[in-house]
């Protein structure tokens, strides 16, 4: 069972993290459509990894028996592994292209603030705060790693929970049909 969990977790993390390297040189890296696509990829890949792994384990190792706790725990471990792989892949990308990322992100934020209806003092205050956050992000591995994990882990946790609920409902249906 551990091998299956590791396999699906590593594959999911690698597939999602590969998106960082596809976008190299793209000026639209931070665009909302790019972010939407990245989150859609996360949902699809994590969903497939959890569903397929739990189904495989149910059929091949547990003789068709699965309940909420087993399904959730299997999914939870897959999500943890995928999240760490994803964050490590971001670190690899960031080491090579991090300064460009921070600069383009700050430029985009500054452009958005200028286009808003805020006053000059408010724009400068908000931009200054954003620049401090990005400096911390750029120079502190723990901050960067934690924020990267926070991108993917909640999505995966919801998927693992929904998968567990599905198997809980299936277990109740099977129990009713056998009684």
N, C-alpha and C. Protein backbone atom coordinates (compact mmCIF):
# COMPACT_ATOMS: atom_id res chain seq x y z
N UNK A 1 0.83 -1.18 0.00
CA UNK A 1 0.00 0.00 0.00
C UNK A 1 0.88 1.26 0.00
N UNK A 2 1.98 1.21 0.74
CA UNK A 2 2.87 2.37 0.79
C UNK A 2 3.45 2.71 -0.58
N UNK A 3 3.80 1.67 -1.32
CA UNK A 3 4.37 1.90 -2.65
C UNK A 3 3.37 2.63 -3.56
N UNK A 4 2.13 2.23 -3.49
CA UNK A 4 1.09 2.87 -4.31
C UNK A 4 0.91 4.33 -3.89
N UNK A 5 0.85 4.58 -2.59
CA UNK A 5 0.69 5.94 -2.09
C UNK A 5 1.87 6.81 -2.54
N UNK A 6 3.09 6.29 -2.39
CA UNK A 6 4.27 7.06 -2.81
C UNK A 6 4.27 7.29 -4.32
N UNK A 7 3.94 6.25 -5.07
CA UNK A 7 3.93 6.37 -6.53
C UNK A 7 2.96 7.47 -6.98
N UNK A 8 1.73 7.40 -6.51
CA UNK A 8 0.73 8.38 -6.94
C UNK A 8 1.04 9.78 -6.40
N UNK A 9 1.57 9.87 -5.19
CA UNK A 9 1.93 11.17 -4.63
C UNK A 9 3.07 11.83 -5.39
N UNK A 10 4.11 11.06 -5.68
CA UNK A 10 5.26 11.61 -6.42
C UNK A 10 4.85 11.98 -7.84
N UNK A 11 4.11 11.11 -8.51
CA UNK A 11 3.67 11.42 -9.88
C UNK A 11 2.80 12.67 -9.92
N UNK A 12 1.87 12.80 -8.99
CA UNK A 12 1.01 13.98 -8.95
C UNK A 12 1.83 15.25 -8.73
N UNK A 13 2.76 15.21 -7.78
CA UNK A 13 3.60 16.37 -7.51
C UNK A 13 4.46 16.75 -8.70
N UNK A 14 5.02 15.74 -9.38
CA UNK A 14 5.85 16.02 -10.56
C UNK A 14 5.04 16.59 -11.72
N UNK A 15 3.85 16.02 -11.95
CA UNK A 15 3.01 16.51 -13.04
C UNK A 15 2.57 17.96 -12.81
N UNK A 16 2.16 18.26 -11.59
CA UNK A 16 1.71 19.62 -11.30
C UNK A 16 2.90 20.58 -11.31
N UNK A 17 4.01 20.17 -10.72
CA UNK A 17 5.20 21.02 -10.66
C UNK A 17 5.85 21.24 -12.01
N UNK A 18 5.62 20.35 -12.96
CA UNK A 18 6.19 20.52 -14.30
C UNK A 18 5.68 21.78 -14.96
N UNK A 19 4.52 22.25 -14.54
CA UNK A 19 3.95 23.47 -15.09
C UNK A 19 4.84 24.68 -14.90
N UNK A 20 5.66 24.69 -13.87
CA UNK A 20 6.58 25.82 -13.65
C UNK A 20 7.56 25.93 -14.81
N UNK A 21 8.02 24.80 -15.28
CA UNK A 21 9.07 24.79 -16.30
C UNK A 21 8.51 24.99 -17.70
N UNK A 22 7.22 24.78 -17.87
CA UNK A 22 6.58 25.03 -19.16
C UNK A 22 6.47 26.52 -19.39
N UNK A 23 6.30 27.29 -18.33
CA UNK A 23 6.07 28.73 -18.42
C UNK A 23 7.35 29.55 -18.50
N UNK A 24 8.52 28.94 -18.52
CA UNK A 24 9.77 29.70 -18.55
C UNK A 24 9.77 30.62 -19.76
N UNK A 25 10.07 31.88 -19.52
CA UNK A 25 10.14 32.86 -20.60
C UNK A 25 8.80 33.46 -20.97
N UNK A 26 7.74 33.00 -20.36
CA UNK A 26 6.42 33.53 -20.68
C UNK A 26 6.19 34.81 -19.90
N UNK A 27 5.80 35.85 -20.60
CA UNK A 27 5.52 37.10 -19.92
C UNK A 27 4.18 37.05 -19.19
N UNK A 28 3.38 36.07 -19.50
CA UNK A 28 2.07 35.95 -18.88
C UNK A 28 2.08 34.99 -17.70
N UNK A 29 3.23 34.81 -17.07
CA UNK A 29 3.36 33.83 -15.98
C UNK A 29 2.39 34.12 -14.85
N UNK A 30 2.19 35.36 -14.53
CA UNK A 30 1.32 35.71 -13.41
C UNK A 30 -0.09 36.08 -13.85
N UNK A 31 -0.42 35.91 -15.10
CA UNK A 31 -1.74 36.30 -15.56
C UNK A 31 -2.80 35.45 -14.89
N UNK A 32 -3.99 36.01 -14.79
CA UNK A 32 -5.07 35.29 -14.13
C UNK A 32 -5.44 34.01 -14.88
N UNK A 33 -5.34 34.02 -16.21
CA UNK A 33 -5.65 32.80 -16.96
C UNK A 33 -4.61 31.72 -16.69
N UNK A 34 -3.36 32.10 -16.53
CA UNK A 34 -2.31 31.15 -16.21
C UNK A 34 -2.53 30.56 -14.82
N UNK A 35 -2.92 31.39 -13.86
CA UNK A 35 -3.20 30.91 -12.51
C UNK A 35 -4.41 29.98 -12.50
N UNK A 36 -5.44 30.34 -13.24
CA UNK A 36 -6.63 29.51 -13.33
C UNK A 36 -6.29 28.15 -13.92
N UNK A 37 -5.49 28.15 -14.97
CA UNK A 37 -5.06 26.90 -15.59
C UNK A 37 -4.24 26.05 -14.61
N UNK A 38 -3.35 26.71 -13.86
CA UNK A 38 -2.52 25.99 -12.90
C UNK A 38 -3.38 25.36 -11.80
N UNK A 39 -4.37 26.09 -11.29
CA UNK A 39 -5.24 25.53 -10.26
C UNK A 39 -6.15 24.44 -10.82
N UNK A 40 -6.60 24.58 -12.04
CA UNK A 40 -7.40 23.52 -12.67
C UNK A 40 -6.56 22.25 -12.82
N UNK A 41 -5.30 22.43 -13.21
CA UNK A 41 -4.40 21.28 -13.32
C UNK A 41 -4.21 20.61 -11.96
N UNK A 42 -4.08 21.42 -10.91
CA UNK A 42 -3.95 20.86 -9.56
C UNK A 42 -5.16 20.00 -9.20
N UNK A 43 -6.33 20.53 -9.42
CA UNK A 43 -7.56 19.82 -9.07
C UNK A 43 -7.67 18.52 -9.86
N UNK A 44 -7.42 18.59 -11.14
CA UNK A 44 -7.55 17.39 -11.99
C UNK A 44 -6.52 16.34 -11.61
N UNK A 45 -5.25 16.73 -11.51
CA UNK A 45 -4.20 15.75 -11.23
C UNK A 45 -4.34 15.18 -9.82
N UNK A 46 -4.56 16.03 -8.82
CA UNK A 46 -4.73 15.53 -7.46
C UNK A 46 -5.97 14.65 -7.35
N UNK A 47 -7.05 15.08 -7.99
CA UNK A 47 -8.27 14.28 -7.96
C UNK A 47 -8.06 12.90 -8.56
N UNK A 48 -7.43 12.87 -9.73
CA UNK A 48 -7.16 11.58 -10.37
C UNK A 48 -6.22 10.71 -9.54
N UNK A 49 -5.19 11.32 -8.98
CA UNK A 49 -4.23 10.56 -8.18
C UNK A 49 -4.92 9.92 -6.98
N UNK A 50 -5.72 10.70 -6.27
CA UNK A 50 -6.39 10.17 -5.08
C UNK A 50 -7.43 9.12 -5.46
N UNK A 51 -8.26 9.42 -6.42
CA UNK A 51 -9.32 8.48 -6.81
C UNK A 51 -8.74 7.18 -7.33
N UNK A 52 -7.77 7.28 -8.23
CA UNK A 52 -7.19 6.06 -8.81
C UNK A 52 -6.43 5.23 -7.78
N UNK A 53 -5.68 5.89 -6.91
CA UNK A 53 -4.93 5.15 -5.89
C UNK A 53 -5.86 4.47 -4.90
N UNK A 54 -6.86 5.16 -4.44
CA UNK A 54 -7.80 4.56 -3.48
C UNK A 54 -8.55 3.41 -4.13
N UNK A 55 -8.96 3.60 -5.36
CA UNK A 55 -9.68 2.53 -6.07
C UNK A 55 -8.78 1.30 -6.27
N UNK A 56 -7.53 1.55 -6.65
CA UNK A 56 -6.58 0.44 -6.83
C UNK A 56 -6.39 -0.33 -5.52
N UNK A 57 -6.17 0.42 -4.45
CA UNK A 57 -5.96 -0.22 -3.15
C UNK A 57 -7.22 -0.96 -2.71
N UNK A 58 -8.37 -0.39 -2.95
CA UNK A 58 -9.63 -1.04 -2.59
C UNK A 58 -9.79 -2.38 -3.30
N UNK A 59 -9.54 -2.38 -4.60
CA UNK A 59 -9.78 -3.59 -5.38
C UNK A 59 -8.69 -4.63 -5.23
N UNK A 60 -7.44 -4.21 -5.17
CA UNK A 60 -6.32 -5.16 -5.19
C UNK A 60 -5.82 -5.58 -3.81
N UNK A 61 -6.02 -4.74 -2.81
CA UNK A 61 -5.42 -5.03 -1.51
C UNK A 61 -6.43 -5.22 -0.39
N UNK A 62 -7.62 -4.68 -0.54
CA UNK A 62 -8.59 -4.71 0.56
C UNK A 62 -9.85 -5.48 0.19
N UNK A 63 -9.80 -6.27 -0.84
CA UNK A 63 -10.91 -7.13 -1.27
C UNK A 63 -12.22 -6.35 -1.43
N UNK A 64 -12.11 -5.15 -1.97
CA UNK A 64 -13.31 -4.35 -2.23
C UNK A 64 -13.83 -3.56 -1.04
N UNK A 65 -13.22 -3.71 0.11
CA UNK A 65 -13.68 -3.00 1.31
C UNK A 65 -12.97 -1.66 1.43
N UNK A 66 -13.75 -0.60 1.61
CA UNK A 66 -13.17 0.73 1.81
C UNK A 66 -14.16 1.54 2.62
N UNK A 67 -13.64 2.32 3.55
CA UNK A 67 -14.50 3.19 4.35
C UNK A 67 -13.91 4.60 4.34
N UNK A 68 -14.57 5.51 5.05
CA UNK A 68 -14.15 6.90 5.06
C UNK A 68 -12.71 7.06 5.54
N UNK A 69 -12.39 6.48 6.69
CA UNK A 69 -11.07 6.73 7.28
C UNK A 69 -9.95 6.20 6.39
N UNK A 70 -10.09 5.02 5.84
CA UNK A 70 -9.06 4.48 4.95
C UNK A 70 -8.90 5.35 3.71
N UNK A 71 -10.01 5.67 3.08
CA UNK A 71 -9.96 6.48 1.86
C UNK A 71 -9.37 7.85 2.14
N UNK A 72 -9.77 8.48 3.25
CA UNK A 72 -9.25 9.79 3.59
C UNK A 72 -7.76 9.73 3.90
N UNK A 73 -7.34 8.76 4.67
CA UNK A 73 -5.92 8.67 5.06
C UNK A 73 -5.04 8.40 3.84
N UNK A 74 -5.47 7.52 2.97
CA UNK A 74 -4.71 7.26 1.73
C UNK A 74 -4.59 8.55 0.93
N UNK A 75 -5.71 9.23 0.73
CA UNK A 75 -5.71 10.50 0.00
C UNK A 75 -4.86 11.55 0.69
N UNK A 76 -4.93 11.62 2.01
CA UNK A 76 -4.17 12.60 2.79
C UNK A 76 -2.67 12.39 2.58
N UNK A 77 -2.22 11.16 2.65
CA UNK A 77 -0.79 10.89 2.45
C UNK A 77 -0.34 11.22 1.02
N UNK A 78 -1.17 10.91 0.06
CA UNK A 78 -0.85 11.25 -1.33
C UNK A 78 -0.73 12.76 -1.47
N UNK A 79 -1.62 13.50 -0.86
CA UNK A 79 -1.61 14.96 -0.93
C UNK A 79 -0.37 15.53 -0.25
N UNK A 80 0.01 14.99 0.88
CA UNK A 80 1.23 15.47 1.55
C UNK A 80 2.44 15.28 0.65
N UNK A 81 2.57 14.10 0.08
CA UNK A 81 3.72 13.81 -0.79
C UNK A 81 3.69 14.71 -2.01
N UNK A 82 2.55 14.83 -2.67
CA UNK A 82 2.43 15.67 -3.86
C UNK A 82 2.73 17.13 -3.53
N UNK A 83 2.28 17.60 -2.38
CA UNK A 83 2.50 18.99 -1.98
C UNK A 83 3.98 19.28 -1.76
N UNK A 84 4.67 18.38 -1.11
CA UNK A 84 6.11 18.57 -0.86
C UNK A 84 6.88 18.53 -2.18
N UNK A 85 6.56 17.61 -3.05
CA UNK A 85 7.23 17.54 -4.36
C UNK A 85 6.97 18.82 -5.14
N UNK A 86 5.73 19.29 -5.13
CA UNK A 86 5.35 20.53 -5.81
C UNK A 86 6.18 21.71 -5.27
N UNK A 87 6.26 21.82 -3.95
CA UNK A 87 7.01 22.92 -3.33
C UNK A 87 8.51 22.81 -3.65
N UNK A 88 9.04 21.60 -3.68
CA UNK A 88 10.45 21.41 -4.03
C UNK A 88 10.71 21.78 -5.49
N UNK A 89 9.77 21.46 -6.36
CA UNK A 89 9.93 21.83 -7.77
C UNK A 89 9.87 23.35 -7.93
N UNK A 90 9.02 24.01 -7.13
CA UNK A 90 9.00 25.47 -7.16
C UNK A 90 10.35 26.02 -6.71
N UNK A 91 10.95 25.41 -5.71
CA UNK A 91 12.26 25.86 -5.24
C UNK A 91 13.31 25.73 -6.34
N UNK A 92 13.28 24.63 -7.08
CA UNK A 92 14.21 24.46 -8.20
C UNK A 92 13.99 25.55 -9.23
N UNK A 93 12.73 25.81 -9.55
CA UNK A 93 12.42 26.88 -10.49
C UNK A 93 12.86 28.23 -9.93
N UNK A 94 12.58 28.46 -8.66
CA UNK A 94 12.86 29.76 -8.05
C UNK A 94 14.35 30.04 -7.98
N UNK A 95 15.15 29.03 -7.74
CA UNK A 95 16.61 29.21 -7.70
C UNK A 95 17.11 29.76 -9.03
N UNK A 96 16.54 29.27 -10.11
CA UNK A 96 16.99 29.68 -11.44
C UNK A 96 16.31 30.93 -11.98
N UNK A 97 15.06 31.17 -11.59
CA UNK A 97 14.29 32.27 -12.18
C UNK A 97 13.59 33.13 -11.14
N UNK A 98 13.96 33.00 -9.88
CA UNK A 98 13.26 33.68 -8.79
C UNK A 98 13.28 35.18 -8.86
N UNK A 99 14.43 35.74 -9.18
CA UNK A 99 14.52 37.20 -9.22
C UNK A 99 13.59 37.75 -10.30
N UNK A 100 13.54 37.10 -11.43
CA UNK A 100 12.64 37.52 -12.51
C UNK A 100 11.18 37.43 -12.06
N UNK A 101 10.86 36.37 -11.32
CA UNK A 101 9.50 36.19 -10.83
C UNK A 101 9.11 37.33 -9.89
N UNK A 102 9.97 37.62 -8.92
CA UNK A 102 9.68 38.68 -7.95
C UNK A 102 9.55 40.03 -8.64
N UNK A 103 10.46 40.32 -9.56
CA UNK A 103 10.42 41.60 -10.27
C UNK A 103 9.14 41.73 -11.09
N UNK A 104 8.78 40.69 -11.85
CA UNK A 104 7.58 40.77 -12.68
C UNK A 104 6.33 40.84 -11.81
N UNK A 105 6.32 40.14 -10.69
CA UNK A 105 5.17 40.19 -9.78
C UNK A 105 5.00 41.60 -9.22
N UNK A 106 6.09 42.19 -8.77
CA UNK A 106 6.02 43.56 -8.23
C UNK A 106 5.60 44.57 -9.30
N UNK A 107 6.11 44.40 -10.51
CA UNK A 107 5.70 45.29 -11.61
C UNK A 107 4.21 45.18 -11.88
N UNK A 108 3.70 43.97 -11.88
CA UNK A 108 2.27 43.76 -12.12
C UNK A 108 1.43 44.38 -11.00
N UNK A 109 1.86 44.20 -9.76
CA UNK A 109 1.15 44.80 -8.63
C UNK A 109 1.15 46.33 -8.75
N UNK A 110 2.31 46.88 -9.09
CA UNK A 110 2.41 48.34 -9.22
C UNK A 110 1.50 48.85 -10.33
N UNK A 111 1.46 48.15 -11.45
CA UNK A 111 0.59 48.55 -12.55
C UNK A 111 -0.89 48.48 -12.15
N UNK A 112 -1.26 47.44 -11.42
CA UNK A 112 -2.65 47.31 -10.96
C UNK A 112 -3.02 48.44 -10.01
N UNK A 113 -2.10 48.77 -9.10
CA UNK A 113 -2.36 49.85 -8.16
C UNK A 113 -2.49 51.19 -8.87
N UNK A 114 -1.63 51.43 -9.85
CA UNK A 114 -1.71 52.70 -10.60
C UNK A 114 -3.04 52.81 -11.36
N UNK A 115 -3.53 51.69 -11.86
CA UNK A 115 -4.77 51.69 -12.62
C UNK A 115 -6.01 51.80 -11.72
N UNK A 116 -5.81 51.60 -10.42
CA UNK A 116 -6.95 51.68 -9.51
C UNK A 116 -7.31 53.14 -9.22
N UNK A 117 -8.36 53.32 -8.48
CA UNK A 117 -8.82 54.68 -8.15
C UNK A 117 -8.25 55.18 -6.83
N UNK A 118 -7.22 54.52 -6.32
CA UNK A 118 -6.61 54.91 -5.05
C UNK A 118 -5.76 56.16 -5.23
N UNK A 119 -5.58 56.87 -4.13
CA UNK A 119 -4.72 58.04 -4.14
C UNK A 119 -3.26 57.64 -4.17
N UNK A 120 -2.39 58.60 -4.50
CA UNK A 120 -0.96 58.32 -4.64
C UNK A 120 -0.35 57.79 -3.33
N UNK A 121 -0.72 58.37 -2.19
CA UNK A 121 -0.18 57.94 -0.90
C UNK A 121 -0.59 56.49 -0.60
N UNK A 122 -1.85 56.17 -0.87
CA UNK A 122 -2.34 54.80 -0.64
C UNK A 122 -1.63 53.81 -1.56
N UNK A 123 -1.42 54.19 -2.80
CA UNK A 123 -0.71 53.33 -3.76
C UNK A 123 0.70 53.06 -3.26
N UNK A 124 1.40 54.08 -2.85
CA UNK A 124 2.78 53.92 -2.37
C UNK A 124 2.85 53.09 -1.10
N UNK A 125 1.89 53.27 -0.20
CA UNK A 125 1.85 52.49 1.04
C UNK A 125 1.62 51.02 0.74
N UNK A 126 0.64 50.75 -0.09
CA UNK A 126 0.34 49.35 -0.43
C UNK A 126 1.50 48.70 -1.19
N UNK A 127 2.09 49.44 -2.11
CA UNK A 127 3.20 48.88 -2.87
C UNK A 127 4.41 48.63 -1.97
N UNK A 128 4.65 49.54 -1.05
CA UNK A 128 5.76 49.37 -0.11
C UNK A 128 5.56 48.11 0.73
N UNK A 129 4.34 47.91 1.21
CA UNK A 129 4.03 46.69 1.98
C UNK A 129 4.24 45.44 1.12
N UNK A 130 3.80 45.49 -0.11
CA UNK A 130 3.95 44.35 -1.01
C UNK A 130 5.42 44.07 -1.30
N UNK A 131 6.21 45.12 -1.45
CA UNK A 131 7.64 44.95 -1.71
C UNK A 131 8.33 44.29 -0.51
N UNK A 132 7.95 44.68 0.71
CA UNK A 132 8.52 44.05 1.91
C UNK A 132 8.18 42.56 1.97
N UNK A 133 6.92 42.25 1.66
CA UNK A 133 6.49 40.84 1.65
C UNK A 133 7.30 40.05 0.62
N UNK A 134 7.46 40.59 -0.56
CA UNK A 134 8.18 39.89 -1.63
C UNK A 134 9.67 39.77 -1.32
N UNK A 135 10.25 40.74 -0.62
CA UNK A 135 11.65 40.62 -0.20
C UNK A 135 11.80 39.48 0.79
N UNK A 136 10.84 39.37 1.72
CA UNK A 136 10.86 38.26 2.67
C UNK A 136 10.68 36.94 1.92
N UNK A 137 9.78 36.93 0.96
CA UNK A 137 9.53 35.73 0.15
C UNK A 137 10.79 35.33 -0.61
N UNK A 138 11.46 36.31 -1.19
CA UNK A 138 12.64 36.03 -2.00
C UNK A 138 13.82 35.54 -1.17
N UNK A 139 13.96 36.04 0.04
CA UNK A 139 15.15 35.77 0.84
C UNK A 139 14.96 34.73 1.93
N UNK A 140 13.77 34.22 2.13
CA UNK A 140 13.52 33.30 3.24
C UNK A 140 12.89 32.01 2.71
N UNK A 141 13.66 30.93 2.73
CA UNK A 141 13.20 29.64 2.24
C UNK A 141 11.94 29.16 2.97
N UNK A 142 11.90 29.32 4.28
CA UNK A 142 10.77 28.81 5.05
C UNK A 142 9.48 29.53 4.68
N UNK A 143 9.55 30.84 4.52
CA UNK A 143 8.37 31.60 4.10
C UNK A 143 7.91 31.15 2.73
N UNK A 144 8.85 31.05 1.81
CA UNK A 144 8.53 30.66 0.43
C UNK A 144 7.97 29.24 0.37
N UNK A 145 8.61 28.31 1.07
CA UNK A 145 8.17 26.91 1.07
C UNK A 145 6.78 26.79 1.69
N UNK A 146 6.56 27.50 2.79
CA UNK A 146 5.26 27.46 3.45
C UNK A 146 4.15 28.02 2.58
N UNK A 147 4.42 29.14 1.92
CA UNK A 147 3.40 29.73 1.04
C UNK A 147 3.13 28.84 -0.17
N UNK A 148 4.17 28.18 -0.66
CA UNK A 148 3.97 27.28 -1.80
C UNK A 148 3.13 26.08 -1.37
N UNK A 149 3.40 25.53 -0.20
CA UNK A 149 2.57 24.44 0.31
C UNK A 149 1.12 24.89 0.49
N UNK A 150 0.95 26.14 0.92
CA UNK A 150 -0.40 26.66 1.14
C UNK A 150 -1.18 26.83 -0.16
N UNK A 151 -0.51 26.83 -1.29
CA UNK A 151 -1.21 26.88 -2.58
C UNK A 151 -1.90 25.57 -2.89
N UNK A 152 -1.22 24.47 -2.63
CA UNK A 152 -1.70 23.17 -3.11
C UNK A 152 -2.37 22.33 -2.03
N UNK A 153 -1.89 22.39 -0.80
CA UNK A 153 -2.37 21.48 0.23
C UNK A 153 -3.87 21.62 0.52
N UNK A 154 -4.41 22.84 0.68
CA UNK A 154 -5.86 22.92 0.95
C UNK A 154 -6.72 22.32 -0.15
N UNK A 155 -6.31 22.50 -1.39
CA UNK A 155 -7.05 21.92 -2.51
C UNK A 155 -7.04 20.39 -2.38
N UNK A 156 -5.88 19.84 -2.13
CA UNK A 156 -5.76 18.39 -1.98
C UNK A 156 -6.51 17.86 -0.78
N UNK A 157 -6.51 18.63 0.30
CA UNK A 157 -7.23 18.20 1.50
C UNK A 157 -8.73 18.10 1.23
N UNK A 158 -9.26 19.05 0.50
CA UNK A 158 -10.68 19.01 0.13
C UNK A 158 -10.96 17.79 -0.75
N UNK A 159 -10.07 17.51 -1.68
CA UNK A 159 -10.24 16.34 -2.56
C UNK A 159 -10.21 15.05 -1.74
N UNK A 160 -9.26 14.94 -0.81
CA UNK A 160 -9.17 13.74 0.03
C UNK A 160 -10.42 13.59 0.89
N UNK A 161 -10.93 14.70 1.40
CA UNK A 161 -12.14 14.67 2.21
C UNK A 161 -13.35 14.24 1.38
N UNK A 162 -13.50 14.81 0.20
CA UNK A 162 -14.61 14.42 -0.68
C UNK A 162 -14.53 12.95 -1.07
N UNK A 163 -13.31 12.48 -1.33
CA UNK A 163 -13.12 11.07 -1.68
C UNK A 163 -13.51 10.18 -0.49
N UNK A 164 -13.11 10.58 0.71
CA UNK A 164 -13.49 9.82 1.89
C UNK A 164 -15.00 9.79 2.09
N UNK A 165 -15.65 10.93 1.86
CA UNK A 165 -17.11 11.00 1.99
C UNK A 165 -17.78 10.07 0.96
N UNK A 166 -17.26 10.06 -0.26
CA UNK A 166 -17.79 9.17 -1.29
C UNK A 166 -17.72 7.71 -0.83
N UNK A 167 -16.58 7.29 -0.31
CA UNK A 167 -16.44 5.90 0.13
C UNK A 167 -17.26 5.62 1.39
N UNK A 168 -17.50 6.63 2.19
CA UNK A 168 -18.37 6.47 3.35
C UNK A 168 -19.80 6.19 2.89
N UNK A 169 -20.25 6.95 1.91
CA UNK A 169 -21.59 6.73 1.35
C UNK A 169 -21.68 5.36 0.71
N UNK A 170 -20.64 4.96 -0.02
CA UNK A 170 -20.63 3.64 -0.65
C UNK A 170 -20.68 2.52 0.40
N UNK A 171 -19.95 2.69 1.51
CA UNK A 171 -19.95 1.69 2.57
C UNK A 171 -21.33 1.57 3.20
N UNK A 172 -22.02 2.70 3.39
CA UNK A 172 -23.38 2.68 3.95
C UNK A 172 -24.34 1.97 2.99
N UNK A 173 -24.22 2.26 1.69
CA UNK A 173 -25.07 1.61 0.69
C UNK A 173 -24.83 0.10 0.68
N UNK A 174 -23.57 -0.30 0.75
CA UNK A 174 -23.24 -1.74 0.74
C UNK A 174 -23.76 -2.42 2.01
N UNK A 175 -23.68 -1.72 3.12
CA UNK A 175 -24.15 -2.28 4.38
C UNK A 175 -25.67 -2.48 4.34
N UNK A 176 -26.38 -1.52 3.78
CA UNK A 176 -27.85 -1.62 3.68
C UNK A 176 -28.27 -2.72 2.72
N UNK A 177 -27.51 -2.88 1.63
CA UNK A 177 -27.89 -3.90 0.67
C UNK A 177 -27.59 -5.32 1.17
N UNK A 178 -26.66 -5.46 2.11
CA UNK A 178 -26.34 -6.77 2.66
C UNK A 178 -27.23 -7.13 3.85
N UNK A 179 -27.96 -6.17 4.37
CA UNK A 179 -28.82 -6.49 5.53
C UNK A 179 -30.26 -6.73 5.16
